[in-house]
Amino acid sequence: MSALFILIIISMLVAGSFLFLFLHAVKKGQYDDTYTPSVRMLFDDSTPADPTTPSQETLNTKN
């Protein structure tokens, strides 16, 4: 029965820390930009990918 109380206390501490971190992020303005994510797909990339050169992932997987 005492293990149940310990688990409840630990879960309350974890939930409280996540709530604190979320409120801290909101206070610092991390969630203020609501426009840019909706139009990000409309912007062109600055440099198009060259299909003749292998990607970094391909180079890393070939050992």
PDB file of N, CA and C in Angstrom:
ATOM      1  N   MET A   1       0.825  -1.201   0.000  1.00  0.00           N
ATOM      2  CA  MET A   1       0.000   0.000   0.000  1.00  0.00           C
ATOM      3  C   MET A   1       0.865   1.258   0.000  1.00  0.00           C
ATOM      4  N   SER A   2       2.024   1.184   0.667  1.00  0.00           N
ATOM      5  CA  SER A   2       2.896   2.359   0.705  1.00  0.00           C
ATOM      6  C   SER A   2       3.498   2.627  -0.673  1.00  0.00           C
ATOM      7  N   ALA A   3       3.684   1.593  -1.482  1.00  0.00           N
ATOM      8  CA  ALA A   3       4.208   1.790  -2.835  1.00  0.00           C
ATOM      9  C   ALA A   3       3.222   2.586  -3.681  1.00  0.00           C
ATOM     10  N   LEU A   4       1.949   2.399  -3.447  1.00  0.00           N
ATOM     11  CA  LEU A   4       0.926   3.152  -4.186  1.00  0.00           C
ATOM     12  C   LEU A   4       1.022   4.630  -3.865  1.00  0.00           C
ATOM     13  N   PHE A   5       1.234   4.969  -2.607  1.00  0.00           N
ATOM     14  CA  PHE A   5       1.369   6.374  -2.227  1.00  0.00           C
ATOM     15  C   PHE A   5       2.624   6.991  -2.823  1.00  0.00           C
ATOM     16  N   ILE A   6       3.687   6.232  -2.880  1.00  0.00           N
ATOM     17  CA  ILE A   6       4.930   6.734  -3.483  1.00  0.00           C
ATOM     18  C   ILE A   6       4.726   6.993  -4.972  1.00  0.00           C
ATOM     19  N   LEU A   7       4.053   6.081  -5.665  1.00  0.00           N
ATOM     20  CA  LEU A   7       3.800   6.272  -7.094  1.00  0.00           C
ATOM     21  C   LEU A   7       2.886   7.466  -7.353  1.00  0.00           C
ATOM     22  N   ILE A   8       1.900   7.672  -6.497  1.00  0.00           N
ATOM     23  CA  ILE A   8       1.012   8.823  -6.651  1.00  0.00           C
ATOM     24  C   ILE A   8       1.787  10.117  -6.455  1.00  0.00           C
ATOM     25  N   ILE A   9       2.651  10.161  -5.468  1.00  0.00           N
ATOM     26  CA  ILE A   9       3.449  11.365  -5.216  1.00  0.00           C
ATOM     27  C   ILE A   9       4.394  11.638  -6.380  1.00  0.00           C
ATOM     28  N   ILE A  10       5.037  10.599  -6.891  1.00  0.00           N
ATOM     29  CA  ILE A  10       5.952  10.778  -8.024  1.00  0.00           C
ATOM     30  C   ILE A  10       5.194  11.249  -9.256  1.00  0.00           C
ATOM     31  N   SER A  11       4.020  10.684  -9.517  1.00  0.00           N
ATOM     32  CA  SER A  11       3.255  11.106 -10.692  1.00  0.00           C
ATOM     33  C   SER A  11       2.758  12.543 -10.551  1.00  0.00           C
ATOM     34  N   MET A  12       2.425  12.956  -9.341  1.00  0.00           N
ATOM     35  CA  MET A  12       2.018  14.348  -9.127  1.00  0.00           C
ATOM     36  C   MET A  12       3.193  15.298  -9.344  1.00  0.00           C
ATOM     37  N   LEU A  13       4.394  14.891  -8.925  1.00  0.00           N
ATOM     38  CA  LEU A  13       5.578  15.723  -9.159  1.00  0.00           C
ATOM     39  C   LEU A  13       5.890  15.846 -10.648  1.00  0.00           C
ATOM     40  N   VAL A  14       5.778  14.750 -11.374  1.00  0.00           N
ATOM     41  CA  VAL A  14       6.037  14.788 -12.818  1.00  0.00           C
ATOM     42  C   VAL A  14       4.991  15.652 -13.522  1.00  0.00           C
ATOM     43  N   ALA A  15       3.727  15.484 -13.168  1.00  0.00           N
ATOM     44  CA  ALA A  15       2.673  16.286 -13.783  1.00  0.00           C
ATOM     45  C   ALA A  15       2.848  17.760 -13.445  1.00  0.00           C
ATOM     46  N   GLY A  16       3.216  18.058 -12.223  1.00  0.00           N
ATOM     47  CA  GLY A  16       3.452  19.452 -11.823  1.00  0.00           C
ATOM     48  C   GLY A  16       4.617  20.072 -12.565  1.00  0.00           C
ATOM     49  N   SER A  17       5.668  19.293 -12.769  1.00  0.00           N
ATOM     50  CA  SER A  17       6.808  19.834 -13.507  1.00  0.00           C
ATOM     51  C   SER A  17       6.455  20.090 -14.968  1.00  0.00           C
ATOM     52  N   PHE A  18       5.673  19.193 -15.585  1.00  0.00           N
ATOM     53  CA  PHE A  18       5.243  19.445 -16.971  1.00  0.00           C
ATOM     54  C   PHE A  18       4.343  20.672 -17.055  1.00  0.00           C
ATOM     55  N   LEU A  19       3.476  20.849 -16.086  1.00  0.00           N
ATOM     56  CA  LEU A  19       2.622  22.044 -16.070  1.00  0.00           C
ATOM     57  C   LEU A  19       3.460  23.304 -15.917  1.00  0.00           C
ATOM     58  N   PHE A  20       4.448  23.267 -15.026  1.00  0.00           N
ATOM     59  CA  PHE A  20       5.324  24.416 -14.839  1.00  0.00           C
ATOM     60  C   PHE A  20       6.081  24.746 -16.115  1.00  0.00           C
ATOM     61  N   LEU A  21       6.639  23.734 -16.768  1.00  0.00           N
ATOM     62  CA  LEU A  21       7.394  23.964 -17.999  1.00  0.00           C
ATOM     63  C   LEU A  21       6.502  24.492 -19.119  1.00  0.00           C
ATOM     64  N   PHE A  22       5.261  24.003 -19.205  1.00  0.00           N
ATOM     65  CA  PHE A  22       4.341  24.503 -20.219  1.00  0.00           C
ATOM     66  C   PHE A  22       3.991  25.968 -19.960  1.00  0.00           C
ATOM     67  N   LEU A  23       3.683  26.302 -18.721  1.00  0.00           N
ATOM     68  CA  LEU A  23       3.347  27.696 -18.399  1.00  0.00           C
ATOM     69  C   LEU A  23       4.552  28.615 -18.608  1.00  0.00           C
ATOM     70  N   HIS A  24       5.739  28.114 -18.330  1.00  0.00           N
ATOM     71  CA  HIS A  24       6.952  28.902 -18.566  1.00  0.00           C
ATOM     72  C   HIS A  24       7.140  29.163 -20.064  1.00  0.00           C
ATOM     73  N   ALA A  25       6.890  28.161 -20.909  1.00  0.00           N
ATOM     74  CA  ALA A  25       7.024  28.340 -22.357  1.00  0.00           C
ATOM     75  C   ALA A  25       5.984  29.317 -22.886  1.00  0.00           C
ATOM     76  N   VAL A  26       4.770  29.257 -22.357  1.00  0.00           N
ATOM     77  CA  VAL A  26       3.728  30.193 -22.782  1.00  0.00           C
ATOM     78  C   VAL A  26       4.093  31.609 -22.360  1.00  0.00           C
ATOM     79  N   LYS A  27       4.623  31.754 -21.157  1.00  0.00           N
ATOM     80  CA  LYS A  27       5.004  33.075 -20.655  1.00  0.00           C
ATOM     81  C   LYS A  27       6.144  33.675 -21.472  1.00  0.00           C
ATOM     82  N   LYS A  28       7.071  32.837 -21.925  1.00  0.00           N
ATOM     83  CA  LYS A  28       8.204  33.317 -22.716  1.00  0.00           C
ATOM     84  C   LYS A  28       7.834  33.584 -24.175  1.00  0.00           C
ATOM     85  N   GLY A  29       6.623  33.220 -24.600  1.00  0.00           N
ATOM     86  CA  GLY A  29       6.167  33.545 -25.946  1.00  0.00           C
ATOM     87  C   GLY A  29       6.483  32.513 -26.992  1.00  0.00           C
ATOM     88  N   GLN A  30       6.717  31.288 -26.611  1.00  0.00           N
ATOM     89  CA  GLN A  30       7.057  30.264 -27.586  1.00  0.00           C
ATOM     90  C   GLN A  30       5.881  29.942 -28.505  1.00  0.00           C
ATOM     91  N   TYR A  31       4.663  30.135 -28.055  1.00  0.00           N
ATOM     92  CA  TYR A  31       3.485  29.781 -28.840  1.00  0.00           C
ATOM     93  C   TYR A  31       2.790  31.011 -29.428  1.00  0.00           C
ATOM     94  N   ASP A  32       3.509  32.124 -29.559  1.00  0.00           N
ATOM     95  CA  ASP A  32       2.896  33.352 -30.047  1.00  0.00           C
ATOM     96  C   ASP A  32       2.668  33.365 -31.553  1.00  0.00           C
ATOM     97  N   ASP A  33       3.546  32.744 -32.328  1.00  0.00           N
ATOM     98  CA  ASP A  33       3.455  32.797 -33.785  1.00  0.00           C
ATOM     99  C   ASP A  33       2.452  31.765 -34.279  1.00  0.00           C
ATOM    100  N   THR A  34       1.288  32.234 -34.674  1.00  0.00           N
ATOM    101  CA  THR A  34       0.266  31.323 -35.186  1.00  0.00           C
ATOM    102  C   THR A  34       0.112  31.421 -36.702  1.00  0.00           C
ATOM    103  N   TYR A  35       0.748  32.419 -37.331  1.00  0.00           N
ATOM    104  CA  TYR A  35       0.566  32.610 -38.763  1.00  0.00           C
ATOM    105  C   TYR A  35       1.601  31.853 -39.597  1.00  0.00           C
ATOM    106  N   THR A  36       2.864  31.909 -39.217  1.00  0.00           N
ATOM    107  CA  THR A  36       3.943  31.347 -40.029  1.00  0.00           C
ATOM    108  C   THR A  36       3.797  29.842 -40.279  1.00  0.00           C
ATOM    109  N   PRO A  37       3.451  29.022 -39.304  1.00  0.00           N
ATOM    110  CA  PRO A  37       3.335  27.590 -39.603  1.00  0.00           C
ATOM    111  C   PRO A  37       2.282  27.270 -40.659  1.00  0.00           C
ATOM    112  N   SER A  38       1.261  28.079 -40.765  1.00  0.00           N
ATOM    113  CA  SER A  38       0.212  27.784 -41.735  1.00  0.00           C
ATOM    114  C   SER A  38       0.627  28.123 -43.166  1.00  0.00           C
ATOM    115  N   VAL A  39       1.601  28.997 -43.358  1.00  0.00           N
ATOM    116  CA  VAL A  39       2.026  29.370 -44.706  1.00  0.00           C
ATOM    117  C   VAL A  39       3.442  28.909 -45.026  1.00  0.00           C
ATOM    118  N   ARG A  40       4.070  28.147 -44.135  1.00  0.00           N
ATOM    119  CA  ARG A  40       5.450  27.720 -44.353  1.00  0.00           C
ATOM    120  C   ARG A  40       5.578  26.858 -45.605  1.00  0.00           C
ATOM    121  N   MET A  41       4.562  26.054 -45.905  1.00  0.00           N
ATOM    122  CA  MET A  41       4.653  25.189 -47.071  1.00  0.00           C
ATOM    123  C   MET A  41       4.572  25.970 -48.379  1.00  0.00           C
ATOM    124  N   LEU A  42       4.152  27.231 -48.336  1.00  0.00           N
ATOM    125  CA  LEU A  42       4.047  28.035 -49.542  1.00  0.00           C
ATOM    126  C   LEU A  42       5.377  28.656 -49.942  1.00  0.00           C
ATOM    127  N   PHE A  43       6.328  28.740 -49.012  1.00  0.00           N
ATOM    128  CA  PHE A  43       7.616  29.347 -49.309  1.00  0.00           C
ATOM    129  C   PHE A  43       8.496  28.358 -50.050  1.00  0.00           C
ATOM    130  N   ASP A  44       9.255  28.862 -51.026  1.00  0.00           N
ATOM    131  CA  ASP A  44      10.195  28.018 -51.759  1.00  0.00           C
ATOM    132  C   ASP A  44      11.455  27.824 -50.935  1.00  0.00           C
ATOM    133  N   ASP A  45      12.111  26.690 -51.146  1.00  0.00           N
ATOM    134  CA  ASP A  45      13.406  26.478 -50.521  1.00  0.00           C
ATOM    135  C   ASP A  45      14.410  27.407 -51.180  1.00  0.00           C
ATOM    136  N   SER A  46      15.418  27.821 -50.440  1.00  0.00           N
ATOM    137  CA  SER A  46      16.405  28.739 -51.004  1.00  0.00           C
ATOM    138  C   SER A  46      17.275  28.055 -52.052  1.00  0.00           C
ATOM    139  N   THR A  47      17.608  26.785 -51.834  1.00  0.00           N
ATOM    140  CA  THR A  47      18.385  26.044 -52.818  1.00  0.00           C
ATOM    141  C   THR A  47      17.696  24.710 -53.076  1.00  0.00           C
ATOM    142  N   PRO A  48      17.376  24.417 -54.309  1.00  0.00           N
ATOM    143  CA  PRO A  48      16.755  23.119 -54.598  1.00  0.00           C
ATOM    144  C   PRO A  48      17.759  21.994 -54.432  1.00  0.00           C
ATOM    145  N   ALA A  49      17.269  20.845 -54.062  1.00  0.00           N
ATOM    146  CA  ALA A  49      18.139  19.679 -53.869  1.00  0.00           C
ATOM    147  C   ALA A  49      18.626  19.177 -55.219  1.00  0.00           C
ATOM    148  N   ASP A  50      19.902  18.835 -55.289  1.00  0.00           N
ATOM    149  CA  ASP A  50      20.490  18.305 -56.511  1.00  0.00           C
ATOM    150  C   ASP A  50      20.320  16.788 -56.513  1.00  0.00           C
ATOM    151  N   PRO A  51      19.552  16.234 -57.461  1.00  0.00           N
ATOM    152  CA  PRO A  51      19.292  14.793 -57.434  1.00  0.00           C
ATOM    153  C   PRO A  51      20.513  13.945 -57.776  1.00  0.00           C
ATOM    154  N   THR A  52      21.583  14.550 -58.334  1.00  0.00           N
ATOM    155  CA  THR A  52      22.752  13.765 -58.716  1.00  0.00           C
ATOM    156  C   THR A  52      23.693  13.512 -57.550  1.00  0.00           C
ATOM    157  N   THR A  53      23.627  14.339 -56.505  1.00  0.00           N
ATOM    158  CA  THR A  53      24.519  14.134 -55.358  1.00  0.00           C
ATOM    159  C   THR A  53      23.793  13.308 -54.307  1.00  0.00           C
ATOM    160  N   PRO A  54      24.489  12.360 -53.688  1.00  0.00           N
ATOM    161  CA  PRO A  54      23.835  11.542 -52.648  1.00  0.00           C
ATOM    162  C   PRO A  54      23.588  12.371 -51.387  1.00  0.00           C
ATOM    163  N   SER A  55      22.533  12.057 -50.718  1.00  0.00           N
ATOM    164  CA  SER A  55      22.202  12.778 -49.496  1.00  0.00           C
ATOM    165  C   SER A  55      23.122  12.354 -48.362  1.00  0.00           C
ATOM    166  N   GLN A  56      23.103  13.115 -47.284  1.00  0.00           N
ATOM    167  CA  GLN A  56      23.937  12.795 -46.126  1.00  0.00           C
ATOM    168  C   GLN A  56      23.503  11.483 -45.493  1.00  0.00           C
ATOM    169  N   GLU A  57      22.180  11.178 -45.512  1.00  0.00           N
ATOM    170  CA  GLU A  57      21.688   9.920 -44.961  1.00  0.00           C
ATOM    171  C   GLU A  57      22.255   8.736 -45.747  1.00  0.00           C
ATOM    172  N   THR A  58      22.314   8.874 -47.069  1.00  0.00           N
ATOM    173  CA  THR A  58      22.834   7.785 -47.893  1.00  0.00           C
ATOM    174  C   THR A  58      24.311   7.566 -47.604  1.00  0.00           C
ATOM    175  N   LEU A  59      25.039   8.635 -47.401  1.00  0.00           N
ATOM    176  CA  LEU A  59      26.461   8.516 -47.117  1.00  0.00           C
ATOM    177  C   LEU A  59      26.702   7.878 -45.759  1.00  0.00           C
ATOM    178  N   ASN A  60      25.844   8.171 -44.788  1.00  0.00           N
ATOM    179  CA  ASN A  60      26.028   7.627 -43.443  1.00  0.00           C
ATOM    180  C   ASN A  60      25.662   6.154 -43.357  1.00  0.00           C
ATOM    181  N   THR A  61      24.733   5.694 -44.186  1.00  0.00           N
ATOM    182  CA  THR A  61      24.296   4.293 -44.102  1.00  0.00           C
ATOM    183  C   THR A  61      25.256   3.354 -44.818  1.00  0.00           C
ATOM    184  N   LYS A  62      26.039   3.853 -45.743  1.00  0.00           N
ATOM    185  CA  LYS A  62      26.989   2.998 -46.465  1.00  0.00           C
ATOM    186  C   LYS A  62      28.309   3.012 -45.720  1.00  0.00           C
ATOM    187  N   ASN A  63      28.633   1.925 -45.078  1.00  0.00           N
ATOM    188  CA  ASN A  63      29.904   1.844 -44.321  1.00  0.00           C
ATOM    189  C   ASN A  63      30.885   0.962 -45.016  1.00  0.00           C
TER     190      ASN A  63
END
